[in-house]
PDB file of all heavy atoms in Angstrom:
ATOM      1  N   GLY A   1     -30.377-203.431  31.640  1.00  0.00           N
ATOM      2  CA  GLY A   1     -31.358-204.515  31.616  1.00  0.00           C
ATOM      3  C   GLY A   1     -30.757-205.835  32.074  1.00  0.00           C
ATOM      4  O   GLY A   1     -29.607-206.135  31.777  1.00  0.00           O
ATOM      5  N   TYR A   2     -31.552-206.608  32.778  1.00  0.00           N
ATOM      6  CA  TYR A   2     -31.096-207.899  33.314  1.00  0.00           C
ATOM      7  C   TYR A   2     -31.750-209.000  32.496  1.00  0.00           C
ATOM      8  O   TYR A   2     -32.956-209.237  32.595  1.00  0.00           O
ATOM      9  CB  TYR A   2     -31.499-207.988  34.786  1.00  0.00           C
ATOM     10  CG  TYR A   2     -30.965-209.194  35.520  1.00  0.00           C
ATOM     11  CD1 TYR A   2     -29.694-209.694  35.281  1.00  0.00           C
ATOM     12  CD2 TYR A   2     -31.753-209.825  36.484  1.00  0.00           C
ATOM     13  CE1 TYR A   2     -29.209-210.792  35.972  1.00  0.00           C
ATOM     14  CE2 TYR A   2     -31.284-210.922  37.189  1.00  0.00           C
ATOM     15  CZ  TYR A   2     -30.005-211.404  36.930  1.00  0.00           C
ATOM     16  OH  TYR A   2     -29.539-212.493  37.620  1.00  0.00           O
ATOM     17  N   PHE A   3     -30.955-209.686  31.675  1.00  0.00           N
ATOM     18  CA  PHE A   3     -31.511-210.692  30.772  1.00  0.00           C
ATOM     19  C   PHE A   3     -30.532-211.841  30.592  1.00  0.00           C
ATOM     20  O   PHE A   3     -29.353-211.745  30.951  1.00  0.00           O
ATOM     21  CB  PHE A   3     -31.876-210.066  29.420  1.00  0.00           C
ATOM     22  CG  PHE A   3     -30.772-209.244  28.779  1.00  0.00           C
ATOM     23  CD1 PHE A   3     -29.887-209.816  27.873  1.00  0.00           C
ATOM     24  CD2 PHE A   3     -30.633-207.893  29.068  1.00  0.00           C
ATOM     25  CE1 PHE A   3     -28.878-209.070  27.279  1.00  0.00           C
ATOM     26  CE2 PHE A   3     -29.632-207.121  28.479  1.00  0.00           C
ATOM     27  CZ  PHE A   3     -28.754-207.706  27.584  1.00  0.00           C
ATOM     28  N   VAL A   4     -31.026-212.942  30.040  1.00  0.00           N
ATOM     29  CA  VAL A   4     -30.201-214.134  29.858  1.00  0.00           C
ATOM     30  C   VAL A   4     -29.108-213.877  28.820  1.00  0.00           C
ATOM     31  O   VAL A   4     -29.179-212.915  28.045  1.00  0.00           O
ATOM     32  CB  VAL A   4     -31.060-215.348  29.432  1.00  0.00           C
ATOM     33  CG1 VAL A   4     -32.106-215.668  30.497  1.00  0.00           C
ATOM     34  CG2 VAL A   4     -31.723-215.100  28.091  1.00  0.00           C
ATOM     35  N   ASP A   5     -28.095-214.741  28.811  1.00  0.00           N
ATOM     36  CA  ASP A   5     -26.942-214.538  27.933  1.00  0.00           C
ATOM     37  C   ASP A   5     -27.179-214.991  26.492  1.00  0.00           C
ATOM     38  O   ASP A   5     -26.540-214.481  25.568  1.00  0.00           O
ATOM     39  CB  ASP A   5     -25.727-215.299  28.475  1.00  0.00           C
ATOM     40  CG  ASP A   5     -25.275-214.767  29.820  1.00  0.00           C
ATOM     41  OD1 ASP A   5     -25.472-213.559  30.062  1.00  0.00           O
ATOM     42  OD2 ASP A   5     -24.736-215.554  30.623  1.00  0.00           O
ATOM     43  N   THR A   6     -28.074-215.954  26.309  1.00  0.00           N
ATOM     44  CA  THR A   6     -28.281-216.535  24.981  1.00  0.00           C
ATOM     45  C   THR A   6     -29.563-216.012  24.354  1.00  0.00           C
ATOM     46  O   THR A   6     -30.617-216.037  24.989  1.00  0.00           O
ATOM     47  CB  THR A   6     -28.354-218.073  25.074  1.00  0.00           C
ATOM     48  OG1 THR A   6     -27.170-218.563  25.716  1.00  0.00           O
ATOM     49  CG2 THR A   6     -28.462-218.695  23.692  1.00  0.00           C
ATOM     50  N   PRO A   7     -29.507-215.540  23.110  1.00  0.00           N
ATOM     51  CA  PRO A   7     -30.729-215.022  22.477  1.00  0.00           C
ATOM     52  C   PRO A   7     -31.737-216.127  22.205  1.00  0.00           C
ATOM     53  O   PRO A   7     -31.372-217.264  21.915  1.00  0.00           O
ATOM     54  CB  PRO A   7     -30.220-214.404  21.173  1.00  0.00           C
ATOM     55  CG  PRO A   7     -28.937-215.115  20.880  1.00  0.00           C
ATOM     56  CD  PRO A   7     -28.326-215.428  22.215  1.00  0.00           C
ATOM     57  N   SER A   8     -33.004-215.770  22.299  1.00  0.00           N
ATOM     58  CA  SER A   8     -34.073-216.710  21.963  1.00  0.00           C
ATOM     59  C   SER A   8     -34.306-216.765  20.462  1.00  0.00           C
ATOM     60  O   SER A   8     -34.773-217.772  19.933  1.00  0.00           O
ATOM     61  CB  SER A   8     -35.373-216.320  22.678  1.00  0.00           C
ATOM     62  OG  SER A   8     -35.228-216.426  24.076  1.00  0.00           O
ATOM     63  N   ALA A   9     -34.006-215.661  19.772  1.00  0.00           N
ATOM     64  CA  ALA A   9     -34.153-215.600  18.317  1.00  0.00           C
ATOM     65  C   ALA A   9     -33.421-214.357  17.817  1.00  0.00           C
ATOM     66  O   ALA A   9     -33.217-213.397  18.571  1.00  0.00           O
ATOM     67  CB  ALA A   9     -35.624-215.540  17.913  1.00  0.00           C
ATOM     68  N   THR A  10     -33.033-214.373  16.557  1.00  0.00           N
ATOM     69  CA  THR A  10     -32.419-213.205  15.926  1.00  0.00           C
ATOM     70  C   THR A  10     -33.003-213.044  14.524  1.00  0.00           C
ATOM     71  O   THR A  10     -33.483-214.006  13.920  1.00  0.00           O
ATOM     72  CB  THR A  10     -30.886-213.353  15.803  1.00  0.00           C
ATOM     73  OG1 THR A  10     -30.584-214.512  15.017  1.00  0.00           O
ATOM     74  CG2 THR A  10     -30.248-213.490  17.168  1.00  0.00           C
ATOM     75  N   THR A  11     -32.959-211.821  14.023  1.00  0.00           N
ATOM     76  CA  THR A  11     -33.362-211.597  12.643  1.00  0.00           C
ATOM     77  C   THR A  11     -32.576-210.416  12.085  1.00  0.00           C
ATOM     78  O   THR A  11     -32.136-209.537  12.826  1.00  0.00           O
ATOM     79  CB  THR A  11     -34.877-211.356  12.521  1.00  0.00           C
ATOM     80  OG1 THR A  11     -35.289-211.499  11.167  1.00  0.00           O
ATOM     81  CG2 THR A  11     -35.264-209.965  12.992  1.00  0.00           C
ATOM     82  N   LEU A  12     -32.413-210.406  10.778  1.00  0.00           N
ATOM     83  CA  LEU A  12     -31.697-209.334  10.098  1.00  0.00           C
ATOM     84  C   LEU A  12     -32.699-208.285   9.645  1.00  0.00           C
ATOM     85  O   LEU A  12     -33.669-208.592   8.954  1.00  0.00           O
ATOM     86  CB  LEU A  12     -30.922-209.880   8.897  1.00  0.00           C
ATOM     87  CG  LEU A  12     -29.985-208.882   8.196  1.00  0.00           C
ATOM     88  CD1 LEU A  12     -28.836-208.506   9.127  1.00  0.00           C
ATOM     89  CD2 LEU A  12     -29.444-209.486   6.899  1.00  0.00           C
ATOM     90  N   VAL A  13     -32.467-207.052  10.047  1.00  0.00           N
ATOM     91  CA  VAL A  13     -33.376-205.946   9.754  1.00  0.00           C
ATOM     92  C   VAL A  13     -32.702-204.987   8.787  1.00  0.00           C
ATOM     93  O   VAL A  13     -31.543-204.610   8.980  1.00  0.00           O
ATOM     94  CB  VAL A  13     -33.753-205.220  11.060  1.00  0.00           C
ATOM     95  CG1 VAL A  13     -34.588-203.992  10.768  1.00  0.00           C
ATOM     96  CG2 VAL A  13     -34.505-206.168  11.983  1.00  0.00           C
ATOM     97  N   ASN A  14     -33.427-204.586   7.762  1.00  0.00           N
ATOM     98  CA  ASN A  14     -32.887-203.652   6.781  1.00  0.00           C
ATOM     99  C   ASN A  14     -33.676-202.344   6.805  1.00  0.00           C
ATOM    100  O   ASN A  14     -33.615-201.594   7.751  1.00  0.00           O
ATOM    101  CB  ASN A  14     -32.924-204.275   5.381  1.00  0.00           C
ATOM    102  CG  ASN A  14     -32.013-205.472   5.270  1.00  0.00           C
ATOM    103  OD1 ASN A  14     -30.799-205.338   5.307  1.00  0.00           O
ATOM    104  ND2 ASN A  14     -32.592-206.654   5.127  1.00  0.00           N
ATOM    105  N   ASP A  15     -34.439-202.107   5.736  1.00  0.00           N
ATOM    106  CA  ASP A  15     -35.203-200.869   5.602  1.00  0.00           C
ATOM    107  C   ASP A  15     -36.639-201.063   6.074  1.00  0.00           C
ATOM    108  O   ASP A  15     -37.031-202.161   6.487  1.00  0.00           O
ATOM    109  CB  ASP A  15     -35.161-200.409   4.144  1.00  0.00           C
ATOM    110  CG  ASP A  15     -35.328-198.904   3.994  1.00  0.00           C
ATOM    111  OD1 ASP A  15     -35.639-198.244   5.004  1.00  0.00           O
ATOM    112  OD2 ASP A  15     -35.151-198.403   2.878  1.00  0.00           O
ATOM    113  N   THR A  16     -37.426-200.022   5.984  1.00  0.00           N
ATOM    114  CA  THR A  16     -38.805-200.016   6.478  1.00  0.00           C
ATOM    115  C   THR A  16     -39.617-201.204   5.971  1.00  0.00           C
ATOM    116  O   THR A  16     -39.716-201.431   4.768  1.00  0.00           O
ATOM    117  CB  THR A  16     -39.510-198.717   6.050  1.00  0.00           C
ATOM    118  OG1 THR A  16     -38.724-197.609   6.476  1.00  0.00           O
ATOM    119  CG2 THR A  16     -40.899-198.628   6.646  1.00  0.00           C
ATOM    120  N   ASP A  17     -40.201-201.950   6.916  1.00  0.00           N
ATOM    121  CA  ASP A  17     -40.996-203.131   6.563  1.00  0.00           C
ATOM    122  C   ASP A  17     -41.423-203.814   7.854  1.00  0.00           C
ATOM    123  O   ASP A  17     -41.042-203.408   8.949  1.00  0.00           O
ATOM    124  CB  ASP A  17     -40.172-204.095   5.700  1.00  0.00           C
ATOM    125  CG  ASP A  17     -41.050-204.990   4.832  1.00  0.00           C
ATOM    126  OD1 ASP A  17     -42.264-205.058   5.085  1.00  0.00           O
ATOM    127  OD2 ASP A  17     -40.514-205.627   3.903  1.00  0.00           O
ATOM    128  N   PHE A  18     -42.203-204.888   7.710  1.00  0.00           N
ATOM    129  CA  PHE A  18     -42.503-205.767   8.832  1.00  0.00           C
ATOM    130  C   PHE A  18     -41.379-206.801   8.940  1.00  0.00           C
ATOM    131  O   PHE A  18     -40.919-207.338   7.924  1.00  0.00           O
ATOM    132  CB  PHE A  18     -43.840-206.491   8.625  1.00  0.00           C
ATOM    133  CG  PHE A  18     -45.038-205.601   8.791  1.00  0.00           C
ATOM    134  CD1 PHE A  18     -45.625-204.985   7.695  1.00  0.00           C
ATOM    135  CD2 PHE A  18     -45.579-205.376  10.049  1.00  0.00           C
ATOM    136  CE1 PHE A  18     -46.729-204.168   7.844  1.00  0.00           C
ATOM    137  CE2 PHE A  18     -46.687-204.567  10.210  1.00  0.00           C
ATOM    138  CZ  PHE A  18     -47.266-203.958   9.108  1.00  0.00           C
ATOM    139  N   TYR A  19     -40.971-207.092  10.174  1.00  0.00           N
ATOM    140  CA  TYR A  19     -39.949-208.099  10.395  1.00  0.00           C
ATOM    141  C   TYR A  19     -40.425-209.087  11.451  1.00  0.00           C
ATOM    142  O   TYR A  19     -41.013-208.684  12.465  1.00  0.00           O
ATOM    143  CB  TYR A  19     -38.633-207.454  10.835  1.00  0.00           C
ATOM    144  CG  TYR A  19     -37.980-206.676   9.707  1.00  0.00           C
ATOM    145  CD1 TYR A  19     -38.255-205.326   9.523  1.00  0.00           C
ATOM    146  CD2 TYR A  19     -37.132-207.313   8.804  1.00  0.00           C
ATOM    147  CE1 TYR A  19     -37.686-204.614   8.475  1.00  0.00           C
ATOM    148  CE2 TYR A  19     -36.553-206.607   7.753  1.00  0.00           C
ATOM    149  CZ  TYR A  19     -36.836-205.265   7.593  1.00  0.00           C
ATOM    150  OH  TYR A  19     -36.278-204.569   6.549  1.00  0.00           O
ATOM    151  N   THR A  20     -40.174-210.357  11.181  1.00  0.00           N
ATOM    152  CA  THR A  20     -40.635-211.409  12.081  1.00  0.00           C
ATOM    153  C   THR A  20     -39.459-212.230  12.583  1.00  0.00           C
ATOM    154  O   THR A  20     -38.652-212.722  11.788  1.00  0.00           O
ATOM    155  CB  THR A  20     -41.650-212.334  11.383  1.00  0.00           C
ATOM    156  OG1 THR A  20     -42.810-211.570  11.031  1.00  0.00           O
ATOM    157  CG2 THR A  20     -42.063-213.483  12.296  1.00  0.00           C
ATOM    158  N   TRP A  21     -39.380-212.357  13.906  1.00  0.00           N
ATOM    159  CA  TRP A  21     -38.426-213.273  14.521  1.00  0.00           C
ATOM    160  C   TRP A  21     -39.072-214.652  14.461  1.00  0.00           C
ATOM    161  O   TRP A  21     -40.095-214.910  15.095  1.00  0.00           O
ATOM    162  CB  TRP A  21     -38.144-212.858  15.961  1.00  0.00           C
ATOM    163  CG  TRP A  21     -37.211-211.678  16.044  1.00  0.00           C
ATOM    164  CD1 TRP A  21     -35.890-211.707  16.384  1.00  0.00           C
ATOM    165  CD2 TRP A  21     -37.519-210.300  15.785  1.00  0.00           C
ATOM    166  NE1 TRP A  21     -35.355-210.441  16.340  1.00  0.00           N
ATOM    167  CE2 TRP A  21     -36.342-209.546  15.971  1.00  0.00           C
ATOM    168  CE3 TRP A  21     -38.687-209.629  15.400  1.00  0.00           C
ATOM    169  CZ2 TRP A  21     -36.283-208.179  15.793  1.00  0.00           C
ATOM    170  CZ3 TRP A  21     -38.645-208.257  15.218  1.00  0.00           C
ATOM    171  CH2 TRP A  21     -37.450-207.546  15.407  1.00  0.00           C
ATOM    172  N   GLN A  22     -38.462-215.521  13.665  1.00  0.00           N
ATOM    173  CA  GLN A  22     -39.059-216.827  13.404  1.00  0.00           C
ATOM    174  C   GLN A  22     -38.996-217.737  14.632  1.00  0.00           C
ATOM    175  O   GLN A  22     -38.128-217.582  15.498  1.00  0.00           O
ATOM    176  CB  GLN A  22     -38.355-217.496  12.226  1.00  0.00           C
ATOM    177  CG  GLN A  22     -38.485-216.741  10.910  1.00  0.00           C
ATOM    178  CD  GLN A  22     -39.922-216.667  10.422  1.00  0.00           C
ATOM    179  OE1 GLN A  22     -40.693-217.615  10.596  1.00  0.00           O
ATOM    180  NE2 GLN A  22     -40.275-215.552   9.794  1.00  0.00           N
ATOM    181  N   SER A  23     -39.918-218.664  14.665  1.00  0.00           N
ATOM    182  CA  SER A  23     -40.011-219.584  15.785  1.00  0.00           C
ATOM    183  C   SER A  23     -38.706-220.359  15.965  1.00  0.00           C
ATOM    184  O   SER A  23     -38.066-220.771  15.002  1.00  0.00           O
ATOM    185  CB  SER A  23     -41.168-220.558  15.575  1.00  0.00           C
ATOM    186  OG  SER A  23     -41.379-221.332  16.736  1.00  0.00           O
ATOM    187  N   SER A  24     -38.330-220.514  17.210  1.00  0.00           N
ATOM    188  CA  SER A  24     -37.139-221.287  17.563  1.00  0.00           C
ATOM    189  C   SER A  24     -37.452-222.091  18.817  1.00  0.00           C
ATOM    190  O   SER A  24     -38.450-221.833  19.507  1.00  0.00           O
ATOM    191  CB  SER A  24     -35.946-220.357  17.825  1.00  0.00           C
ATOM    192  OG  SER A  24     -36.170-219.609  19.016  1.00  0.00           O
ATOM    193  N   ARG A  25     -36.592-223.031  19.138  1.00  0.00           N
ATOM    194  CA  ARG A  25     -36.828-223.821  20.342  1.00  0.00           C
ATOM    195  C   ARG A  25     -36.834-222.941  21.586  1.00  0.00           C
ATOM    196  O   ARG A  25     -37.618-223.153  22.515  1.00  0.00           O
ATOM    197  CB  ARG A  25     -35.767-224.914  20.470  1.00  0.00           C
ATOM    198  CG  ARG A  25     -36.007-226.114  19.557  1.00  0.00           C
ATOM    199  CD  ARG A  25     -35.001-227.211  19.793  1.00  0.00           C
ATOM    200  NE  ARG A  25     -33.663-226.815  19.375  1.00  0.00           N
ATOM    201  CZ  ARG A  25     -32.576-227.588  19.487  1.00  0.00           C
ATOM    202  NH1 ARG A  25     -32.687-228.800  19.998  1.00  0.00           N
ATOM    203  NH2 ARG A  25     -31.407-227.159  19.082  1.00  0.00           N
ATOM    204  N   ARG A  26     -35.961-221.937  21.599  1.00  0.00           N
ATOM    205  CA  ARG A  26     -35.895-221.063  22.765  1.00  0.00           C
ATOM    206  C   ARG A  26     -37.116-220.161  22.875  1.00  0.00           C
ATOM    207  O   ARG A  26     -37.625-219.932  23.981  1.00  0.00           O
ATOM    208  CB  ARG A  26     -34.611-220.229  22.731  1.00  0.00           C
ATOM    209  CG  ARG A  26     -33.376-221.037  23.083  1.00  0.00           C
ATOM    210  CD  ARG A  26     -32.137-220.170  23.173  1.00  0.00           C
ATOM    211  NE  ARG A  26     -31.001-220.944  23.612  1.00  0.00           N
ATOM    212  CZ  ARG A  26     -30.693-221.181  24.883  1.00  0.00           C
ATOM    213  NH1 ARG A  26     -31.450-220.675  25.846  1.00  0.00           N
ATOM    214  NH2 ARG A  26     -29.637-221.909  25.206  1.00  0.00           N
ATOM    215  N   LEU A  27     -37.591-219.650  21.743  1.00  0.00           N
ATOM    216  CA  LEU A  27     -38.813-218.833  21.786  1.00  0.00           C
ATOM    217  C   LEU A  27     -39.979-219.651  22.311  1.00  0.00           C
ATOM    218  O   LEU A  27     -40.754-219.193  23.163  1.00  0.00           O
ATOM    219  CB  LEU A  27     -39.143-218.296  20.396  1.00  0.00           C
ATOM    220  CG  LEU A  27     -38.530-216.968  19.956  1.00  0.00           C
ATOM    221  CD1 LEU A  27     -39.065-216.585  18.586  1.00  0.00           C
ATOM    222  CD2 LEU A  27     -38.814-215.868  20.959  1.00  0.00           C
ATOM    223  N   VAL A  28     -40.127-220.858  21.798  1.00  0.00           N
ATOM    224  CA  VAL A  28     -41.213-221.737  22.244  1.00  0.00           C
ATOM    225  C   VAL A  28     -41.054-222.058  23.726  1.00  0.00           C
ATOM    226  O   VAL A  28     -42.023-222.035  24.497  1.00  0.00           O
ATOM    227  CB  VAL A  28     -41.247-223.022  21.403  1.00  0.00           C
ATOM    228  CG1 VAL A  28     -42.219-224.033  22.005  1.00  0.00           C
ATOM    229  CG2 VAL A  28     -41.645-222.706  19.966  1.00  0.00           C
ATOM    230  N   ARG A  29     -39.821-222.326  24.132  1.00  0.00           N
ATOM    231  CA  ARG A  29     -39.563-222.643  25.540  1.00  0.00           C
ATOM    232  C   ARG A  29     -39.911-221.459  26.436  1.00  0.00           C
ATOM    233  O   ARG A  29     -40.492-221.632  27.516  1.00  0.00           O
ATOM    234  CB  ARG A  29     -38.087-223.007  25.716  1.00  0.00           C
ATOM    235  CG  ARG A  29     -37.743-223.603  27.076  1.00  0.00           C
ATOM    236  CD  ARG A  29     -36.254-223.868  27.171  1.00  0.00           C
ATOM    237  NE  ARG A  29     -35.782-224.622  26.013  1.00  0.00           N
ATOM    238  CZ  ARG A  29     -34.497-224.686  25.651  1.00  0.00           C
ATOM    239  NH1 ARG A  29     -33.589-224.012  26.323  1.00  0.00           N
ATOM    240  NH2 ARG A  29     -34.152-225.410  24.609  1.00  0.00           N
ATOM    241  N   ASP A  30     -39.570-220.252  25.995  1.00  0.00           N
ATOM    242  CA  ASP A  30     -39.920-219.056  26.772  1.00  0.00           C
ATOM    243  C   ASP A  30     -41.422-218.985  27.011  1.00  0.00           C
ATOM    244  O   ASP A  30     -41.884-218.817  28.149  1.00  0.00           O
ATOM    245  CB  ASP A  30     -39.472-217.791  26.036  1.00  0.00           C
ATOM    246  CG  ASP A  30     -37.960-217.627  25.986  1.00  0.00           C
ATOM    247  OD1 ASP A  30     -37.254-218.340  26.717  1.00  0.00           O
ATOM    248  OD2 ASP A  30     -37.502-216.776  25.192  1.00  0.00           O
ATOM    249  N   VAL A  31     -42.186-219.097  25.927  1.00  0.00           N
ATOM    250  CA  VAL A  31     -43.636-218.946  26.033  1.00  0.00           C
ATOM    251  C   VAL A  31     -44.253-220.073  26.848  1.00  0.00           C
ATOM    252  O   VAL A  31     -45.149-219.851  27.680  1.00  0.00           O
ATOM    253  CB  VAL A  31     -44.276-218.855  24.633  1.00  0.00           C
ATOM    254  CG1 VAL A  31     -45.794-218.915  24.729  1.00  0.00           C
ATOM    255  CG2 VAL A  31     -43.841-217.559  23.943  1.00  0.00           C
TER     256      VAL A  31
END
């Protein structure tokens, strides 16, 4: 995959559930 070097957001995932990558400046900038 060809993608940028810096993540737009990260989140810690554990067991079965819903997980949300919270808003960040980079996520907003992407959109």
